[in-house]
Amino acid sequence: MADRSSVRPSSVREAMDRVLAAEREAQEQLEACRAEADQIISAAREKARGIQETTRGRISRIHAASHRETAARIRGMRRDTAKKSAAIDYEPTQREAVARAARRLARRLTSRDHDDR
């Protein structure tokens, strides 16, 4: 074992100072890493918000276009049906039965649950 009297107080102090300086440097580097991680997370969250906004906009435009297309097709079908119905000479009772059937069919085609009421 080394003789304690051979260790100089100044060398112990210097060693302690080196240890404390290394700890300070490590703490500073750790804080710098945390700050960088926080910036990366913040940027990722911002990018995710942008992606969500873009996606919502695209979905809204797709829904609107789909709605317009569906409405145009329904109008066309109604026009075609009206033209075809006008060309057929039904008796009054047949005309009413056909109109009821057409209304039922239209309800089935445009309702969510497609029931046959």
N, C-alpha and C. Protein backbone atom coordinates (compact mmCIF):
# COMPACT_ATOMS: atom_id res chain seq x y z
N MET A 1 0.82 -1.17 0.00
CA MET A 1 0.00 0.00 0.00
C MET A 1 0.87 1.24 0.00
N ALA A 2 0.38 2.26 -0.64
CA ALA A 2 1.17 3.49 -0.72
C ALA A 2 1.11 4.24 0.59
N ASP A 3 2.13 4.90 0.84
CA ASP A 3 2.20 5.72 2.05
C ASP A 3 1.42 7.00 1.82
N ARG A 4 0.50 7.28 2.70
CA ARG A 4 -0.35 8.47 2.55
C ARG A 4 0.46 9.75 2.66
N SER A 5 1.47 9.70 3.30
CA SER A 5 2.28 10.91 3.47
C SER A 5 2.98 11.29 2.17
N SER A 6 3.07 10.33 1.21
CA SER A 6 3.73 10.63 -0.06
C SER A 6 2.79 11.34 -1.03
N VAL A 7 1.47 11.35 -0.78
CA VAL A 7 0.50 12.02 -1.65
C VAL A 7 0.45 13.49 -1.25
N ARG A 8 0.70 14.34 -2.23
CA ARG A 8 0.72 15.78 -1.94
C ARG A 8 -0.71 16.32 -1.99
N PRO A 9 -1.07 17.21 -1.11
CA PRO A 9 -2.42 17.79 -1.12
C PRO A 9 -2.71 18.51 -2.43
N SER A 10 -1.73 19.10 -3.04
CA SER A 10 -1.98 19.81 -4.30
C SER A 10 -2.34 18.84 -5.41
N SER A 11 -1.76 17.64 -5.43
CA SER A 11 -2.10 16.67 -6.48
C SER A 11 -3.51 16.13 -6.26
N VAL A 12 -3.93 15.98 -5.02
CA VAL A 12 -5.30 15.55 -4.72
C VAL A 12 -6.27 16.63 -5.20
N ARG A 13 -5.95 17.86 -4.88
CA ARG A 13 -6.78 18.98 -5.29
C ARG A 13 -6.88 19.06 -6.81
N GLU A 14 -5.77 18.86 -7.48
CA GLU A 14 -5.76 18.90 -8.95
C GLU A 14 -6.61 17.76 -9.52
N ALA A 15 -6.48 16.60 -8.91
CA ALA A 15 -7.29 15.46 -9.36
C ALA A 15 -8.78 15.76 -9.16
N MET A 16 -9.14 16.30 -8.02
CA MET A 16 -10.53 16.66 -7.74
C MET A 16 -11.03 17.71 -8.73
N ASP A 17 -10.19 18.69 -9.02
CA ASP A 17 -10.56 19.73 -9.98
C ASP A 17 -10.79 19.12 -11.37
N ARG A 18 -9.96 18.17 -11.77
CA ARG A 18 -10.14 17.51 -13.06
C ARG A 18 -11.46 16.73 -13.08
N VAL A 19 -11.75 16.03 -12.00
CA VAL A 19 -13.00 15.27 -11.91
C VAL A 19 -14.19 16.22 -11.99
N LEU A 20 -14.15 17.30 -11.23
CA LEU A 20 -15.26 18.27 -11.24
C LEU A 20 -15.41 18.93 -12.61
N ALA A 21 -14.28 19.23 -13.25
CA ALA A 21 -14.33 19.83 -14.60
C ALA A 21 -14.93 18.83 -15.59
N ALA A 22 -14.56 17.57 -15.47
CA ALA A 22 -15.12 16.54 -16.36
C ALA A 22 -16.62 16.38 -16.13
N GLU A 23 -17.04 16.44 -14.87
CA GLU A 23 -18.47 16.36 -14.56
C GLU A 23 -19.23 17.54 -15.15
N ARG A 24 -18.67 18.75 -15.02
CA ARG A 24 -19.30 19.95 -15.59
C ARG A 24 -19.43 19.82 -17.10
N GLU A 25 -18.35 19.38 -17.72
CA GLU A 25 -18.36 19.22 -19.18
C GLU A 25 -19.40 18.17 -19.60
N ALA A 26 -19.46 17.08 -18.87
CA ALA A 26 -20.44 16.03 -19.17
C ALA A 26 -21.87 16.58 -19.00
N GLN A 27 -22.09 17.34 -17.95
CA GLN A 27 -23.42 17.94 -17.70
C GLN A 27 -23.78 18.91 -18.83
N GLU A 28 -22.83 19.72 -19.27
CA GLU A 28 -23.08 20.66 -20.36
C GLU A 28 -23.41 19.92 -21.65
N GLN A 29 -22.66 18.85 -21.91
CA GLN A 29 -22.94 18.06 -23.12
C GLN A 29 -24.31 17.38 -23.03
N LEU A 30 -24.66 16.91 -21.85
CA LEU A 30 -25.97 16.29 -21.65
C LEU A 30 -27.08 17.32 -21.89
N GLU A 31 -26.93 18.51 -21.36
CA GLU A 31 -27.92 19.57 -21.57
C GLU A 31 -28.02 19.95 -23.04
N ALA A 32 -26.87 20.00 -23.73
CA ALA A 32 -26.87 20.31 -25.16
C ALA A 32 -27.61 19.21 -25.94
N CYS A 33 -27.38 17.96 -25.57
CA CYS A 33 -28.09 16.85 -26.22
C CYS A 33 -29.59 16.92 -25.98
N ARG A 34 -29.98 17.25 -24.76
CA ARG A 34 -31.40 17.40 -24.44
C ARG A 34 -32.03 18.52 -25.26
N ALA A 35 -31.33 19.63 -25.35
CA ALA A 35 -31.84 20.76 -26.13
C ALA A 35 -31.99 20.38 -27.60
N GLU A 36 -31.00 19.68 -28.14
CA GLU A 36 -31.08 19.24 -29.53
C GLU A 36 -32.22 18.26 -29.72
N ALA A 37 -32.41 17.34 -28.78
CA ALA A 37 -33.52 16.38 -28.86
C ALA A 37 -34.86 17.11 -28.82
N ASP A 38 -34.97 18.11 -27.96
CA ASP A 38 -36.21 18.90 -27.89
C ASP A 38 -36.50 19.60 -29.21
N GLN A 39 -35.46 20.12 -29.85
CA GLN A 39 -35.63 20.78 -31.16
C GLN A 39 -36.07 19.78 -32.22
N ILE A 40 -35.47 18.60 -32.21
CA ILE A 40 -35.84 17.56 -33.18
C ILE A 40 -37.29 17.14 -32.98
N ILE A 41 -37.69 16.95 -31.73
CA ILE A 41 -39.07 16.56 -31.42
C ILE A 41 -40.04 17.66 -31.85
N SER A 42 -39.68 18.89 -31.55
CA SER A 42 -40.54 20.02 -31.93
C SER A 42 -40.69 20.11 -33.45
N ALA A 43 -39.61 19.94 -34.17
CA ALA A 43 -39.67 19.98 -35.64
C ALA A 43 -40.50 18.83 -36.18
N ALA A 44 -40.36 17.65 -35.58
CA ALA A 44 -41.15 16.49 -36.02
C ALA A 44 -42.64 16.71 -35.77
N ARG A 45 -42.97 17.29 -34.63
CA ARG A 45 -44.38 17.58 -34.33
C ARG A 45 -44.95 18.60 -35.32
N GLU A 46 -44.16 19.62 -35.63
CA GLU A 46 -44.59 20.64 -36.58
C GLU A 46 -44.82 20.02 -37.96
N LYS A 47 -43.91 19.16 -38.36
CA LYS A 47 -44.04 18.49 -39.65
C LYS A 47 -45.29 17.60 -39.66
N ALA A 48 -45.54 16.90 -38.57
CA ALA A 48 -46.73 16.05 -38.46
C ALA A 48 -48.00 16.88 -38.57
N ARG A 49 -48.02 18.06 -37.93
CA ARG A 49 -49.19 18.95 -38.04
C ARG A 49 -49.40 19.37 -39.49
N GLY A 50 -48.32 19.68 -40.18
CA GLY A 50 -48.43 20.06 -41.59
C GLY A 50 -48.99 18.93 -42.43
N ILE A 51 -48.51 17.72 -42.17
CA ILE A 51 -49.00 16.56 -42.91
C ILE A 51 -50.49 16.35 -42.63
N GLN A 52 -50.90 16.50 -41.37
CA GLN A 52 -52.31 16.35 -41.02
C GLN A 52 -53.17 17.39 -41.74
N GLU A 53 -52.72 18.61 -41.77
CA GLU A 53 -53.49 19.67 -42.44
C GLU A 53 -53.61 19.38 -43.93
N THR A 54 -52.51 18.97 -44.54
CA THR A 54 -52.53 18.64 -45.96
C THR A 54 -53.49 17.48 -46.22
N THR A 55 -53.42 16.47 -45.38
CA THR A 55 -54.28 15.30 -45.53
C THR A 55 -55.74 15.67 -45.37
N ARG A 56 -56.05 16.46 -44.36
CA ARG A 56 -57.45 16.90 -44.17
C ARG A 56 -57.96 17.67 -45.38
N GLY A 57 -57.11 18.54 -45.92
CA GLY A 57 -57.51 19.31 -47.10
C GLY A 57 -57.78 18.39 -48.29
N ARG A 58 -56.91 17.43 -48.50
CA ARG A 58 -57.09 16.49 -49.62
C ARG A 58 -58.36 15.67 -49.44
N ILE A 59 -58.59 15.19 -48.23
CA ILE A 59 -59.79 14.40 -47.97
C ILE A 59 -61.04 15.24 -48.21
N SER A 60 -61.03 16.48 -47.76
CA SER A 60 -62.17 17.37 -47.97
C SER A 60 -62.43 17.59 -49.46
N ARG A 61 -61.36 17.81 -50.22
CA ARG A 61 -61.53 18.01 -51.66
C ARG A 61 -62.06 16.74 -52.34
N ILE A 62 -61.59 15.58 -51.91
CA ILE A 62 -62.07 14.32 -52.48
C ILE A 62 -63.55 14.13 -52.15
N HIS A 63 -63.94 14.41 -50.91
CA HIS A 63 -65.36 14.29 -50.54
C HIS A 63 -66.22 15.24 -51.35
N ALA A 64 -65.77 16.46 -51.50
CA ALA A 64 -66.55 17.45 -52.26
C ALA A 64 -66.69 17.01 -53.72
N ALA A 65 -65.60 16.55 -54.31
CA ALA A 65 -65.66 16.10 -55.71
C ALA A 65 -66.57 14.88 -55.85
N SER A 66 -66.48 13.97 -54.90
CA SER A 66 -67.34 12.78 -54.92
C SER A 66 -68.81 13.18 -54.79
N HIS A 67 -69.08 14.11 -53.90
CA HIS A 67 -70.45 14.59 -53.71
C HIS A 67 -70.98 15.24 -55.00
N ARG A 68 -70.16 16.08 -55.62
CA ARG A 68 -70.58 16.73 -56.87
C ARG A 68 -70.85 15.70 -57.95
N GLU A 69 -69.97 14.72 -58.09
CA GLU A 69 -70.12 13.68 -59.11
C GLU A 69 -71.38 12.85 -58.85
N THR A 70 -71.61 12.49 -57.61
CA THR A 70 -72.80 11.70 -57.27
C THR A 70 -74.06 12.50 -57.56
N ALA A 71 -74.07 13.77 -57.17
CA ALA A 71 -75.24 14.61 -57.42
C ALA A 71 -75.49 14.75 -58.92
N ALA A 72 -74.43 14.92 -59.71
CA ALA A 72 -74.59 15.04 -61.16
C ALA A 72 -75.14 13.75 -61.76
N ARG A 73 -74.67 12.62 -61.28
CA ARG A 73 -75.17 11.34 -61.79
C ARG A 73 -76.64 11.14 -61.43
N ILE A 74 -77.01 11.51 -60.22
CA ILE A 74 -78.41 11.39 -59.81
C ILE A 74 -79.29 12.28 -60.67
N ARG A 75 -78.85 13.52 -60.91
CA ARG A 75 -79.63 14.42 -61.78
C ARG A 75 -79.79 13.82 -63.17
N GLY A 76 -78.70 13.26 -63.71
CA GLY A 76 -78.76 12.62 -65.03
C GLY A 76 -79.72 11.45 -65.05
N MET A 77 -79.67 10.64 -64.01
CA MET A 77 -80.58 9.49 -63.92
C MET A 77 -82.03 9.94 -63.85
N ARG A 78 -82.26 11.00 -63.08
CA ARG A 78 -83.63 11.52 -62.98
C ARG A 78 -84.11 12.06 -64.32
N ARG A 79 -83.23 12.76 -65.05
CA ARG A 79 -83.61 13.28 -66.37
C ARG A 79 -83.94 12.13 -67.31
N ASP A 80 -83.04 11.11 -67.31
CA ASP A 80 -83.28 9.96 -68.18
C ASP A 80 -84.58 9.26 -67.84
N THR A 81 -84.83 9.10 -66.56
CA THR A 81 -86.06 8.44 -66.12
C THR A 81 -87.28 9.26 -66.52
N ALA A 82 -87.18 10.56 -66.36
CA ALA A 82 -88.32 11.42 -66.73
C ALA A 82 -88.59 11.33 -68.23
N LYS A 83 -87.53 11.34 -69.04
CA LYS A 83 -87.70 11.23 -70.49
C LYS A 83 -88.33 9.90 -70.87
N LYS A 84 -87.83 8.82 -70.28
CA LYS A 84 -88.36 7.49 -70.60
C LYS A 84 -89.80 7.35 -70.12
N SER A 85 -90.09 7.89 -68.96
CA SER A 85 -91.45 7.80 -68.43
C SER A 85 -92.42 8.60 -69.28
N ALA A 86 -91.97 9.74 -69.77
CA ALA A 86 -92.84 10.58 -70.60
C ALA A 86 -93.14 9.89 -71.93
N ALA A 87 -92.24 9.06 -72.40
CA ALA A 87 -92.43 8.39 -73.69
C ALA A 87 -93.41 7.22 -73.60
N ILE A 88 -93.63 6.71 -72.40
CA ILE A 88 -94.54 5.57 -72.22
C ILE A 88 -95.92 6.09 -71.88
N ASP A 89 -96.92 5.56 -72.56
CA ASP A 89 -98.29 5.98 -72.31
C ASP A 89 -98.94 5.00 -71.33
N TYR A 90 -98.87 5.35 -70.06
CA TYR A 90 -99.47 4.51 -69.03
C TYR A 90 -100.91 4.93 -68.77
N GLU A 91 -101.67 3.98 -68.27
CA GLU A 91 -102.98 4.33 -67.73
C GLU A 91 -102.72 5.00 -66.38
N PRO A 92 -103.65 5.80 -65.87
CA PRO A 92 -103.42 6.52 -64.61
C PRO A 92 -102.98 5.62 -63.46
N THR A 93 -103.57 4.45 -63.31
CA THR A 93 -103.18 3.58 -62.18
C THR A 93 -101.78 3.02 -62.39
N GLN A 94 -101.41 2.73 -63.62
CA GLN A 94 -100.06 2.24 -63.89
C GLN A 94 -99.02 3.34 -63.64
N ARG A 95 -99.38 4.56 -64.03
CA ARG A 95 -98.48 5.69 -63.83
C ARG A 95 -98.19 5.87 -62.34
N GLU A 96 -99.23 5.76 -61.51
CA GLU A 96 -99.04 5.91 -60.06
C GLU A 96 -98.17 4.78 -59.50
N ALA A 97 -98.40 3.56 -59.98
CA ALA A 97 -97.61 2.42 -59.51
C ALA A 97 -96.14 2.59 -59.91
N VAL A 98 -95.93 3.03 -61.13
CA VAL A 98 -94.54 3.24 -61.60
C VAL A 98 -93.89 4.37 -60.79
N ALA A 99 -94.62 5.44 -60.51
CA ALA A 99 -94.07 6.56 -59.73
C ALA A 99 -93.72 6.10 -58.32
N ARG A 100 -94.60 5.29 -57.71
CA ARG A 100 -94.30 4.77 -56.37
C ARG A 100 -93.05 3.88 -56.40
N ALA A 101 -92.97 3.02 -57.41
CA ALA A 101 -91.81 2.13 -57.53
C ALA A 101 -90.53 2.94 -57.74
N ALA A 102 -90.63 3.99 -58.55
CA ALA A 102 -89.46 4.84 -58.79
C ALA A 102 -89.03 5.56 -57.52
N ARG A 103 -90.01 6.02 -56.73
CA ARG A 103 -89.67 6.69 -55.46
C ARG A 103 -89.02 5.71 -54.49
N ARG A 104 -89.57 4.49 -54.43
CA ARG A 104 -88.98 3.47 -53.56
C ARG A 104 -87.54 3.16 -53.99
N LEU A 105 -87.34 3.01 -55.29
CA LEU A 105 -86.01 2.72 -55.80
C LEU A 105 -85.05 3.87 -55.50
N ALA A 106 -85.51 5.09 -55.71
CA ALA A 106 -84.67 6.27 -55.41
C ALA A 106 -84.30 6.30 -53.94
N ARG A 107 -85.27 6.00 -53.05
CA ARG A 107 -84.97 5.97 -51.61
C ARG A 107 -83.94 4.89 -51.30
N ARG A 108 -84.10 3.73 -51.90
CA ARG A 108 -83.15 2.64 -51.66
C ARG A 108 -81.75 3.01 -52.13
N LEU A 109 -81.67 3.66 -53.27
CA LEU A 109 -80.36 4.00 -53.83
C LEU A 109 -79.68 5.13 -53.07
N THR A 110 -80.46 5.98 -52.44
CA THR A 110 -79.87 7.15 -51.78
C THR A 110 -79.87 7.06 -50.27
N SER A 111 -80.48 6.04 -49.68
CA SER A 111 -80.47 5.94 -48.22
C SER A 111 -79.24 5.18 -47.76
N ARG A 112 -78.89 5.41 -46.51
CA ARG A 112 -77.70 4.77 -45.94
C ARG A 112 -77.97 3.30 -45.64
N ASP A 113 -79.15 2.97 -45.17
CA ASP A 113 -79.41 1.59 -44.74
C ASP A 113 -80.05 0.75 -45.83
N HIS A 114 -80.42 1.32 -46.94
CA HIS A 114 -80.96 0.61 -48.10
C HIS A 114 -82.18 -0.25 -47.76
N ASP A 115 -83.00 0.22 -46.84
CA ASP A 115 -84.19 -0.58 -46.56
C ASP A 115 -85.23 -0.35 -47.67
N ASP A 116 -86.25 -1.19 -47.73
CA ASP A 116 -87.20 -1.20 -48.84
C ASP A 116 -88.58 -0.72 -48.40
N ARG A 117 -88.66 0.39 -47.71
CA ARG A 117 -89.95 0.89 -47.24
C ARG A 117 -90.65 1.71 -48.28
